[in-house]
Amino acid sequence: MEPSIKAPRPDTSAARAIDVQQWFDERPVGRFQILVLLMCMFIVTLDGLDTVMVGFIAPALSSAWAIPRDALGPVMSGGLLGLAFGALCAGPLADRLGRKTVMTCAVLFFGVWSLGSAFATGIGELTVLRFLTGLGLGASMPNAATLMAEYAPQRCRALMVTTVFCGFTLGAAGGGFVSAWLIASHGWRSVLILGGVLPILYVPLMIRFLPESARFLALKDTRRARLVTVMNRIERGIADRTTRFAVHSTAHETRRERSPVRLILSRDYAFGTVMLWVCYFAGLLTVYLLGSWLPTLIRGAGFTLAEAALVGALFQAGGTIGSLAIGWLMDRFNPHRALGATVFAGGVLAWAMGLPGHGIAMIAVLAFFMGYCMNGSNTGFCALAAGSYPTRMRATGTSWMLGIGRFGGIAGAMLGAGMLHANWGFSEVFTSLALPAAVGAAAVLLKGARHRGPLLRVSAGVGH
């Protein structure tokens, strides 16, 4: 008899001690992560649909209410302001209450107010309702990026986050086709009703199937039961009530009395935070200027309305492909340099667009690659932000970058109007876009030089 031969306890102890992030990083991407990706992507698709629908219904609305189209300016601005403030408020809430909780409430919120917008009777009422809708939209997008980043393994995190944001373009493009059919058959109010009903119907699915972030749950022992449930959804029997979850913390994370906003502006993170704000502000300024006025600029240069629409569509299509490509590049090369080079290339392409003598074929090609660089890099900034902060402040860091950037979008739309009012020509407008591109490229490269490390080093190391 050899009493030393017993059931091996090391396996049990190993099962009871799990480093959450390391566990995700070492596993292949499975059905659970794909579920999270698709559910987050659909949330962003709903955002894209709801964000642009006022632009689609504007002609029918101005005709129905017998008002000029420029009278809808406050409605457009109200929605954009709501997006900005929604993002600024949602991050700190998500870092305290959870990503799923805030995101679910936000989707329900913008669904309800979009539905309410369908019954507006005047410009003032519709402006307020679109602002409230924007609050929910602005709160949901950054949390979708944060949740995806916290379930993706480090080796493909940027690609998975940028894939989620491709949903916005899909929603915006799909909204155009659906709106055209609905307005013709059921009137402009039906578009807003659809934009409200779809999110409301999606909320029960979010509650049932969308998980809370495992990394967020691991921060406090009081969330242990929920974390065990989530981990067992991924791999049956991996955890039980005795499992210990290892979560490494930075000195800033252990000071729990500090708010997430103060943390992202603390000494260790302030420079990177401000550089993210600068590059995203500059990026959205450019994209919203072109998104608002590109067809008008092309039409004013002497091309047909159909050619102007084609150029605008190619600009958006380039953004979808660019979003996927920049995510892939960021996962394989230095992410700051990849983003900086892409932003700079967008500025060069804008300058080239402003050169005289281009035919419609060359303009179409330049517009596609401008969208590839400009829209793609803006999506990349979301992945960069999600990887630049530890879990305790990640939602705040990401959402505040998106919120500050929205003001850049508002400035871009207003700047484009000012340029046209001042009779700037096609060449002058596009040449001027090289300046915000240069500023954005410099900001992201300076951030990279300061950190001197790969994307998500904070998350992969001591910043879980």
Protein backbone atom coordinates (compact mmCIF):
# COMPACT_ATOMS: atom_id res chain seq x y z
CA MET A 1 0.00 0.00 0.00
CA GLU A 2 1.33 3.39 -0.97
CA PRO A 3 -0.61 6.13 0.80
CA SER A 4 1.23 8.86 -1.14
CA ILE A 5 -0.84 8.15 -4.23
CA LYS A 6 -3.85 10.45 -3.96
CA ALA A 7 -6.08 12.52 -6.17
CA PRO A 8 -3.91 15.32 -7.55
CA ARG A 9 -4.70 18.56 -5.75
CA PRO A 10 -2.75 20.88 -8.07
CA ASP A 11 -5.51 20.61 -10.67
CA THR A 12 -8.08 21.69 -8.09
CA SER A 13 -6.01 24.62 -6.88
CA ALA A 14 -5.35 25.65 -10.47
CA ALA A 15 -9.07 25.60 -11.14
CA ARG A 16 -9.62 27.80 -8.11
CA ALA A 17 -7.18 30.55 -9.16
CA ILE A 18 -7.88 32.26 -12.49
CA ASP A 19 -6.23 35.37 -13.87
CA VAL A 20 -9.21 36.57 -15.89
CA GLN A 21 -7.39 38.51 -18.59
CA GLN A 22 -4.64 35.94 -19.02
CA TRP A 23 -7.30 33.25 -19.32
CA PHE A 24 -9.01 35.14 -22.17
CA ASP A 25 -5.69 35.97 -23.86
CA GLU A 26 -4.60 32.32 -23.95
CA ARG A 27 -7.90 30.94 -25.28
CA PRO A 28 -8.92 30.87 -28.95
CA VAL A 29 -11.82 33.10 -29.96
CA GLY A 30 -14.92 30.98 -29.42
CA ARG A 31 -18.66 31.14 -29.83
CA PHE A 32 -19.06 33.22 -26.69
CA GLN A 33 -16.83 36.04 -27.98
CA ILE A 34 -18.51 35.89 -31.38
CA LEU A 35 -21.88 36.27 -29.62
CA VAL A 36 -20.59 39.35 -27.78
CA LEU A 37 -19.20 40.77 -31.03
CA LEU A 38 -22.45 40.29 -32.96
CA MET A 39 -24.63 41.68 -30.16
CA CYS A 40 -22.41 44.73 -29.69
CA MET A 41 -22.22 45.21 -33.45
CA PHE A 42 -26.02 45.18 -33.70
CA ILE A 43 -26.20 47.85 -30.99
CA VAL A 44 -23.87 50.05 -33.03
CA THR A 45 -25.94 49.25 -36.15
CA LEU A 46 -29.03 50.55 -34.35
CA ASP A 47 -27.02 53.63 -33.41
CA GLY A 48 -26.06 54.19 -37.04
CA LEU A 49 -29.66 53.81 -38.19
CA ASP A 50 -31.04 56.18 -35.55
CA THR A 51 -28.27 58.77 -35.81
CA VAL A 52 -28.70 59.46 -39.54
CA MET A 53 -32.45 59.00 -39.92
CA VAL A 54 -33.26 62.70 -39.41
CA GLY A 55 -31.11 63.47 -42.44
CA PHE A 56 -33.10 60.95 -44.46
CA ILE A 57 -36.50 62.30 -43.41
CA ALA A 58 -35.52 65.99 -43.70
CA PRO A 59 -36.95 66.56 -47.21
CA ALA A 60 -40.28 64.90 -46.37
CA LEU A 61 -40.44 66.64 -43.00
CA SER A 62 -39.82 70.10 -44.43
CA SER A 63 -42.50 69.48 -47.03
CA ALA A 64 -45.02 68.15 -44.49
CA TRP A 65 -44.47 71.08 -42.11
CA ALA A 66 -44.02 73.65 -44.90
CA ILE A 67 -40.66 74.84 -43.56
CA PRO A 68 -37.29 75.40 -45.31
CA ARG A 69 -34.72 72.64 -44.89
CA ASP A 70 -32.29 74.89 -43.03
CA ALA A 71 -34.94 75.28 -40.31
CA LEU A 72 -34.08 71.71 -39.32
CA GLY A 73 -30.59 72.81 -38.23
CA PRO A 74 -31.54 72.89 -34.52
CA VAL A 75 -32.88 69.32 -34.80
CA MET A 76 -29.58 68.11 -36.26
CA SER A 77 -27.55 70.01 -33.65
CA GLY A 78 -29.75 68.77 -30.81
CA GLY A 79 -29.04 65.16 -31.72
CA LEU A 80 -25.29 65.76 -31.96
CA LEU A 81 -25.20 67.54 -28.60
CA GLY A 82 -27.09 64.65 -27.06
CA LEU A 83 -24.51 62.23 -28.46
CA ALA A 84 -21.70 64.24 -26.89
CA PHE A 85 -23.25 64.59 -23.44
CA GLY A 86 -24.48 61.00 -23.45
CA ALA A 87 -20.94 59.75 -23.99
CA LEU A 88 -19.51 62.00 -21.27
CA CYS A 89 -22.05 60.78 -18.71
CA ALA A 90 -22.09 57.10 -19.63
CA GLY A 91 -18.43 56.27 -19.03
CA PRO A 92 -18.26 57.06 -15.31
CA LEU A 93 -21.62 55.31 -14.80
CA ALA A 94 -20.42 52.18 -16.63
CA ASP A 95 -17.23 52.06 -14.58
CA ARG A 96 -19.36 52.02 -11.43
CA LEU A 97 -22.49 50.11 -12.45
CA GLY A 98 -21.26 47.88 -15.27
CA ARG A 99 -21.07 48.01 -19.04
CA LYS A 100 -24.13 45.84 -19.69
CA THR A 101 -26.31 47.73 -17.21
CA VAL A 102 -25.59 51.16 -18.70
CA MET A 103 -25.70 49.92 -22.29
CA THR A 104 -29.07 48.19 -21.83
CA CYS A 105 -30.57 51.28 -20.23
CA ALA A 106 -29.10 53.45 -22.99
CA VAL A 107 -30.59 51.32 -25.79
CA LEU A 108 -34.00 51.40 -24.11
CA PHE A 109 -33.64 55.15 -23.56
CA PHE A 110 -32.89 56.04 -27.17
CA GLY A 111 -35.56 53.63 -28.40
CA VAL A 112 -38.26 55.27 -26.28
CA TRP A 113 -37.33 58.80 -27.29
CA SER A 114 -36.94 57.91 -30.96
CA LEU A 115 -40.45 56.49 -30.82
CA GLY A 116 -41.59 59.67 -29.12
CA SER A 117 -39.96 61.75 -31.88
CA ALA A 118 -42.38 60.22 -34.37
CA PHE A 119 -45.23 62.10 -32.69
CA ALA A 120 -43.55 65.53 -32.53
CA THR A 121 -45.64 68.43 -33.81
CA GLY A 122 -43.05 71.18 -34.18
CA ILE A 123 -39.35 72.03 -34.52
CA GLY A 124 -38.84 72.86 -30.84
CA GLU A 125 -40.45 69.66 -29.64
CA LEU A 126 -38.54 67.54 -32.15
CA THR A 127 -35.25 69.21 -31.17
CA VAL A 128 -35.74 68.28 -27.51
CA LEU A 129 -36.74 64.73 -28.38
CA ARG A 130 -33.71 64.27 -30.66
CA PHE A 131 -31.43 65.58 -27.90
CA LEU A 132 -32.85 62.98 -25.52
CA THR A 133 -32.46 60.30 -28.20
CA GLY A 134 -28.85 61.41 -28.65
CA LEU A 135 -28.16 60.94 -24.94
CA GLY A 136 -28.97 57.24 -25.27
CA LEU A 137 -27.08 56.87 -28.53
CA GLY A 138 -23.99 58.53 -27.09
CA ALA A 139 -24.09 56.28 -24.02
CA SER A 140 -24.40 52.99 -25.89
CA MET A 141 -21.59 53.18 -28.47
CA PRO A 142 -18.55 53.57 -26.18
CA ASN A 143 -19.79 50.83 -23.87
CA ALA A 144 -20.16 48.46 -26.83
CA ALA A 145 -16.48 49.09 -27.61
CA THR A 146 -15.46 48.65 -23.98
CA LEU A 147 -17.36 45.38 -23.52
CA MET A 148 -15.91 43.93 -26.71
CA ALA A 149 -12.38 44.96 -25.73
CA GLU A 150 -12.74 43.22 -22.38
CA TYR A 151 -13.79 39.90 -23.93
CA ALA A 152 -11.35 39.89 -26.84
CA PRO A 153 -7.90 38.29 -26.50
CA GLN A 154 -5.07 40.78 -26.79
CA ARG A 155 -3.77 39.37 -30.09
CA CYS A 156 -6.92 40.37 -32.02
CA ARG A 157 -8.54 42.96 -29.76
CA ALA A 158 -8.21 45.96 -32.08
CA LEU A 159 -9.69 44.02 -35.01
CA MET A 160 -12.68 42.86 -32.96
CA VAL A 161 -13.37 46.38 -31.65
CA THR A 162 -13.14 47.95 -35.11
CA THR A 163 -15.42 45.21 -36.48
CA VAL A 164 -18.03 46.21 -33.91
CA PHE A 165 -17.89 49.79 -35.17
CA CYS A 166 -18.47 48.70 -38.77
CA GLY A 167 -22.05 48.25 -37.62
CA PHE A 168 -22.48 52.02 -37.64
CA THR A 169 -21.82 52.26 -41.38
CA LEU A 170 -24.08 49.28 -42.02
CA GLY A 171 -26.88 50.89 -40.02
CA ALA A 172 -26.43 54.24 -41.75
CA ALA A 173 -26.38 52.70 -45.22
CA GLY A 174 -29.27 50.34 -44.50
CA GLY A 175 -31.21 53.24 -43.04
CA GLY A 176 -31.06 54.99 -46.38
CA PHE A 177 -32.69 52.11 -48.26
CA VAL A 178 -35.29 51.43 -45.57
CA SER A 179 -36.14 55.12 -45.17
CA ALA A 180 -36.73 55.59 -48.88
CA TRP A 181 -39.26 52.73 -48.89
CA LEU A 182 -40.97 53.68 -45.62
CA ILE A 183 -41.34 57.38 -46.46
CA ALA A 184 -42.88 56.55 -49.83
CA SER A 185 -45.34 54.04 -48.39
CA HIS A 186 -46.03 55.19 -44.81
CA GLY A 187 -44.67 58.72 -44.39
CA TRP A 188 -41.72 60.20 -42.47
CA ARG A 189 -43.06 59.30 -39.02
CA SER A 190 -42.74 55.59 -39.83
CA VAL A 191 -38.95 55.91 -40.04
CA LEU A 192 -38.74 57.26 -36.49
CA ILE A 193 -41.18 54.59 -35.28
CA LEU A 194 -38.91 51.89 -36.73
CA GLY A 195 -35.88 53.55 -35.10
CA GLY A 196 -37.67 53.31 -31.76
CA VAL A 197 -39.30 49.90 -31.98
CA LEU A 198 -36.16 47.98 -32.99
CA PRO A 199 -34.08 49.02 -29.93
CA ILE A 200 -36.99 48.44 -27.56
CA LEU A 201 -37.48 44.91 -28.93
CA TYR A 202 -33.74 44.27 -28.67
CA VAL A 203 -33.54 45.10 -24.96
CA PRO A 204 -34.98 41.74 -23.74
CA LEU A 205 -32.40 39.92 -25.88
CA MET A 206 -29.63 42.01 -24.29
CA ILE A 207 -30.89 41.19 -20.81
CA ARG A 208 -31.08 37.49 -21.60
CA PHE A 209 -27.96 36.84 -23.67
CA LEU A 210 -25.46 39.72 -23.39
CA PRO A 211 -22.96 39.12 -20.55
CA GLU A 212 -21.53 41.69 -18.20
CA SER A 213 -17.79 42.23 -18.57
CA ALA A 214 -15.90 39.46 -16.76
CA ARG A 215 -13.04 41.84 -16.04
CA PHE A 216 -15.45 44.38 -14.51
CA LEU A 217 -17.05 41.67 -12.36
CA ALA A 218 -13.63 40.48 -11.18
CA LEU A 219 -12.86 43.86 -9.61
CA LYS A 220 -15.06 43.22 -6.55
CA ASP A 221 -15.73 40.09 -4.48
CA THR A 222 -19.39 41.06 -4.18
CA ARG A 223 -19.80 40.25 -7.90
CA ARG A 224 -18.27 36.77 -7.57
CA ALA A 225 -21.50 34.83 -8.16
CA ARG A 226 -22.19 36.69 -11.41
CA LEU A 227 -18.61 36.17 -12.54
CA VAL A 228 -18.77 32.42 -11.87
CA THR A 229 -21.94 32.23 -13.99
CA VAL A 230 -20.28 34.10 -16.87
CA MET A 231 -17.12 31.99 -16.76
CA ASN A 232 -19.15 28.77 -16.79
CA ARG A 233 -21.05 29.99 -19.84
CA ILE A 234 -17.72 30.10 -21.65
CA GLU A 235 -16.33 26.83 -20.29
CA ARG A 236 -18.59 24.60 -18.25
CA GLY A 237 -17.20 23.76 -14.80
CA ILE A 238 -14.26 26.20 -14.98
CA ALA A 239 -15.32 28.02 -11.80
CA ASP A 240 -17.35 27.54 -8.63
CA ARG A 241 -17.93 29.37 -5.36
CA THR A 242 -14.41 28.52 -4.15
CA THR A 243 -12.63 29.93 -7.23
CA ARG A 244 -10.22 32.80 -6.63
CA PHE A 245 -10.01 35.36 -9.43
CA ALA A 246 -6.70 37.18 -9.74
CA VAL A 247 -6.97 40.83 -10.73
CA HIS A 248 -3.82 42.90 -10.77
CA SER A 249 -4.20 46.58 -9.92
CA THR A 250 -2.20 49.71 -10.49
CA ALA A 251 -1.60 52.15 -7.69
CA HIS A 252 -4.27 54.38 -9.20
CA GLU A 253 -6.81 51.56 -9.29
CA THR A 254 -6.39 50.74 -5.64
CA ARG A 255 -7.37 54.30 -4.68
CA ARG A 256 -11.05 53.58 -5.05
CA GLU A 257 -12.21 56.88 -3.65
CA ARG A 258 -11.09 58.66 -6.80
CA SER A 259 -13.61 59.05 -9.61
CA PRO A 260 -12.84 57.52 -13.03
CA VAL A 261 -12.76 61.03 -14.54
CA ARG A 262 -10.05 62.09 -12.12
CA LEU A 263 -8.18 58.87 -12.85
CA ILE A 264 -8.04 59.41 -16.63
CA LEU A 265 -6.70 62.91 -15.92
CA SER A 266 -4.21 61.78 -13.29
CA ARG A 267 -0.47 62.08 -13.82
CA ASP A 268 0.00 58.66 -15.40
CA TYR A 269 -2.84 59.01 -17.90
CA ALA A 270 -3.42 62.75 -18.51
CA PHE A 271 -1.05 63.15 -21.47
CA GLY A 272 -2.41 60.13 -23.32
CA THR A 273 -5.98 61.19 -22.53
CA VAL A 274 -5.50 64.69 -23.95
CA MET A 275 -3.76 63.33 -27.06
CA LEU A 276 -6.68 60.96 -27.64
CA TRP A 277 -9.07 63.89 -27.34
CA VAL A 278 -7.04 65.96 -29.81
CA CYS A 279 -6.72 63.26 -32.46
CA TYR A 280 -10.38 62.18 -32.23
CA PHE A 281 -11.63 65.79 -32.23
CA ALA A 282 -9.58 66.49 -35.36
CA GLY A 283 -10.69 63.23 -36.95
CA LEU A 284 -14.42 63.80 -36.43
CA LEU A 285 -14.10 67.42 -37.51
CA THR A 286 -12.84 66.21 -40.88
CA VAL A 287 -15.27 63.31 -41.25
CA TYR A 288 -18.38 65.30 -40.28
CA LEU A 289 -17.37 68.16 -42.55
CA LEU A 290 -17.09 65.78 -45.48
CA GLY A 291 -20.07 63.69 -44.44
CA SER A 292 -22.24 66.81 -44.33
CA TRP A 293 -20.94 68.65 -47.39
CA LEU A 294 -19.06 66.27 -49.71
CA PRO A 295 -21.96 65.77 -52.19
CA THR A 296 -22.57 69.53 -52.18
CA LEU A 297 -18.90 70.23 -52.88
CA ILE A 298 -18.81 67.68 -55.72
CA ARG A 299 -22.01 69.10 -57.19
CA GLY A 300 -20.63 72.62 -56.92
CA ALA A 301 -17.51 71.58 -58.82
CA GLY A 302 -19.65 70.95 -61.89
CA PHE A 303 -20.46 67.26 -61.61
CA THR A 304 -23.93 65.73 -61.80
CA LEU A 305 -26.11 64.87 -58.83
CA ALA A 306 -25.66 61.15 -59.54
CA GLU A 307 -21.88 61.55 -59.60
CA ALA A 308 -22.01 63.48 -56.32
CA ALA A 309 -24.04 60.68 -54.72
CA LEU A 310 -21.58 58.08 -56.02
CA VAL A 311 -18.61 59.93 -54.51
CA GLY A 312 -20.38 60.21 -51.16
CA ALA A 313 -21.20 56.51 -51.15
CA LEU A 314 -17.61 55.57 -52.00
CA PHE A 315 -16.35 57.72 -49.12
CA GLN A 316 -18.53 55.72 -46.70
CA ALA A 317 -17.66 52.36 -48.28
CA GLY A 318 -13.96 53.13 -47.94
CA GLY A 319 -14.53 53.76 -44.25
CA THR A 320 -16.00 50.31 -43.69
CA ILE A 321 -13.05 48.55 -45.33
CA GLY A 322 -10.60 50.90 -43.63
CA SER A 323 -12.04 50.11 -40.21
CA LEU A 324 -11.35 46.41 -40.64
CA ALA A 325 -7.91 47.00 -42.14
CA ILE A 326 -6.72 49.39 -39.44
CA GLY A 327 -7.81 46.95 -36.73
CA TRP A 328 -5.77 44.20 -38.38
CA LEU A 329 -2.74 46.51 -38.70
CA MET A 330 -2.97 47.67 -35.09
CA ASP A 331 -2.91 44.07 -33.85
CA ARG A 332 0.23 43.27 -35.84
CA PHE A 333 2.30 46.46 -35.80
CA ASN A 334 2.88 49.42 -33.53
CA PRO A 335 -0.69 50.75 -33.22
CA HIS A 336 0.26 54.40 -32.75
CA ARG A 337 2.44 54.41 -35.84
CA ALA A 338 -0.18 52.55 -37.87
CA LEU A 339 -2.82 55.10 -36.90
CA GLY A 340 -0.51 58.08 -37.33
CA ALA A 341 0.51 56.99 -40.83
CA THR A 342 -3.14 56.38 -41.80
CA VAL A 343 -4.29 59.80 -40.54
CA PHE A 344 -1.39 61.52 -42.30
CA ALA A 345 -2.17 59.65 -45.53
CA GLY A 346 -5.77 60.89 -45.29
CA GLY A 347 -4.51 64.46 -45.15
CA VAL A 348 -2.29 63.90 -48.19
CA LEU A 349 -5.24 62.46 -50.10
CA ALA A 350 -7.40 65.46 -49.17
CA TRP A 351 -4.68 67.79 -50.44
CA ALA A 352 -4.47 65.74 -53.65
CA MET A 353 -8.26 65.96 -54.04
CA GLY A 354 -7.95 69.75 -54.03
CA LEU A 355 -5.56 69.80 -56.98
CA PRO A 356 -7.21 71.04 -60.18
CA GLY A 357 -7.97 68.99 -63.26
CA HIS A 358 -9.38 65.76 -61.78
CA GLY A 359 -12.09 63.86 -63.62
CA ILE A 360 -14.88 62.04 -61.84
CA ALA A 361 -12.98 58.73 -61.94
CA MET A 362 -9.98 60.14 -60.06
CA ILE A 363 -12.22 61.97 -57.60
CA ALA A 364 -14.11 58.74 -56.90
CA VAL A 365 -10.86 56.85 -56.24
CA LEU A 366 -9.54 59.61 -53.97
CA ALA A 367 -12.85 59.75 -52.06
CA PHE A 368 -12.77 55.99 -51.46
CA PHE A 369 -9.24 56.07 -50.04
CA MET A 370 -9.96 59.22 -48.03
CA GLY A 371 -12.83 57.34 -46.41
CA TYR A 372 -10.52 54.37 -45.89
CA CYS A 373 -8.00 56.55 -44.03
CA MET A 374 -10.26 59.04 -42.23
CA ASN A 375 -13.19 56.86 -41.18
CA GLY A 376 -10.94 53.86 -40.64
CA SER A 377 -8.56 55.74 -38.35
CA ASN A 378 -11.44 57.18 -36.30
CA THR A 379 -12.64 53.63 -35.63
CA GLY A 380 -9.06 52.71 -34.77
CA PHE A 381 -8.97 55.45 -32.14
CA CYS A 382 -11.84 53.70 -30.35
CA ALA A 383 -9.76 50.51 -30.17
CA LEU A 384 -6.74 52.52 -29.05
CA ALA A 385 -8.70 54.19 -26.26
CA ALA A 386 -10.17 50.89 -25.06
CA GLY A 387 -6.63 49.54 -24.76
CA SER A 388 -5.08 52.60 -23.12
CA TYR A 389 -6.83 52.35 -19.74
CA PRO A 390 -7.21 49.66 -17.07
CA THR A 391 -10.61 48.18 -16.34
CA ARG A 392 -11.61 50.55 -13.54
CA MET A 393 -11.51 53.56 -15.86
CA ARG A 394 -11.75 52.03 -19.34
CA ALA A 395 -15.39 52.94 -20.06
CA THR A 396 -14.78 56.50 -18.87
CA GLY A 397 -11.63 56.91 -20.96
CA THR A 398 -13.29 55.57 -24.10
CA SER A 399 -16.58 57.43 -23.69
CA TRP A 400 -14.95 60.76 -22.86
CA MET A 401 -12.82 60.52 -26.01
CA LEU A 402 -16.00 59.87 -28.00
CA GLY A 403 -17.83 62.69 -26.23
CA ILE A 404 -15.08 65.27 -26.81
CA GLY A 405 -14.83 64.08 -30.40
CA ARG A 406 -18.53 64.77 -30.96
CA PHE A 407 -17.85 68.45 -30.41
CA GLY A 408 -15.30 68.15 -33.20
CA GLY A 409 -18.05 66.69 -35.39
CA ILE A 410 -20.33 69.63 -34.57
CA ALA A 411 -17.49 72.03 -35.34
CA GLY A 412 -16.81 70.26 -38.65
CA ALA A 413 -20.40 70.56 -39.85
CA MET A 414 -20.50 74.24 -38.87
CA LEU A 415 -17.06 74.90 -40.38
CA GLY A 416 -18.16 73.42 -43.69
CA ALA A 417 -21.22 75.68 -43.73
CA GLY A 418 -18.99 78.66 -42.95
CA MET A 419 -16.59 77.77 -45.77
CA LEU A 420 -19.42 77.57 -48.27
CA HIS A 421 -20.95 80.80 -46.97
CA ALA A 422 -17.55 82.48 -47.47
CA ASN A 423 -17.49 81.16 -51.06
CA TRP A 424 -14.50 78.88 -50.57
CA GLY A 425 -13.82 76.84 -53.66
CA PHE A 426 -13.46 73.08 -54.02
CA SER A 427 -9.65 73.24 -53.89
CA GLU A 428 -9.55 75.54 -50.86
CA VAL A 429 -11.84 73.32 -48.79
CA PHE A 430 -9.95 70.11 -49.46
CA THR A 431 -6.50 71.65 -49.10
CA SER A 432 -7.49 73.01 -45.68
CA LEU A 433 -8.32 69.49 -44.47
CA ALA A 434 -4.61 68.66 -44.46
CA LEU A 435 -4.27 70.79 -41.29
CA PRO A 436 -6.54 68.79 -38.92
CA ALA A 437 -5.08 65.59 -40.39
CA ALA A 438 -1.55 66.77 -39.52
CA VAL A 439 -2.68 67.71 -35.99
CA GLY A 440 -4.35 64.33 -35.48
CA ALA A 441 -1.34 62.39 -36.78
CA ALA A 442 1.02 64.36 -34.53
CA ALA A 443 -1.19 63.78 -31.47
CA VAL A 444 -1.36 60.00 -31.86
CA LEU A 445 2.39 59.74 -32.57
CA LEU A 446 3.20 61.87 -29.52
CA LYS A 447 1.00 59.60 -27.40
CA GLY A 448 2.86 56.58 -28.75
CA ALA A 449 6.26 58.17 -28.09
CA ARG A 450 5.26 58.91 -24.49
CA HIS A 451 3.99 55.39 -23.78
CA ARG A 452 6.71 53.57 -25.74
CA GLY A 453 4.80 50.30 -25.70
CA PRO A 454 2.38 48.20 -27.74
CA LEU A 455 -1.34 48.67 -27.69
CA LEU A 456 -3.08 47.35 -24.60
CA ARG A 457 0.12 46.96 -22.61
CA VAL A 458 -1.71 48.47 -19.68
CA SER A 459 -4.44 45.87 -20.04
CA ALA A 460 -2.12 42.96 -20.56
CA GLY A 461 0.16 43.78 -17.70
CA VAL A 462 -0.59 45.41 -14.39
CA GLY A 463 -3.67 47.22 -15.55
CA HIS A 464 -6.27 44.49 -15.57
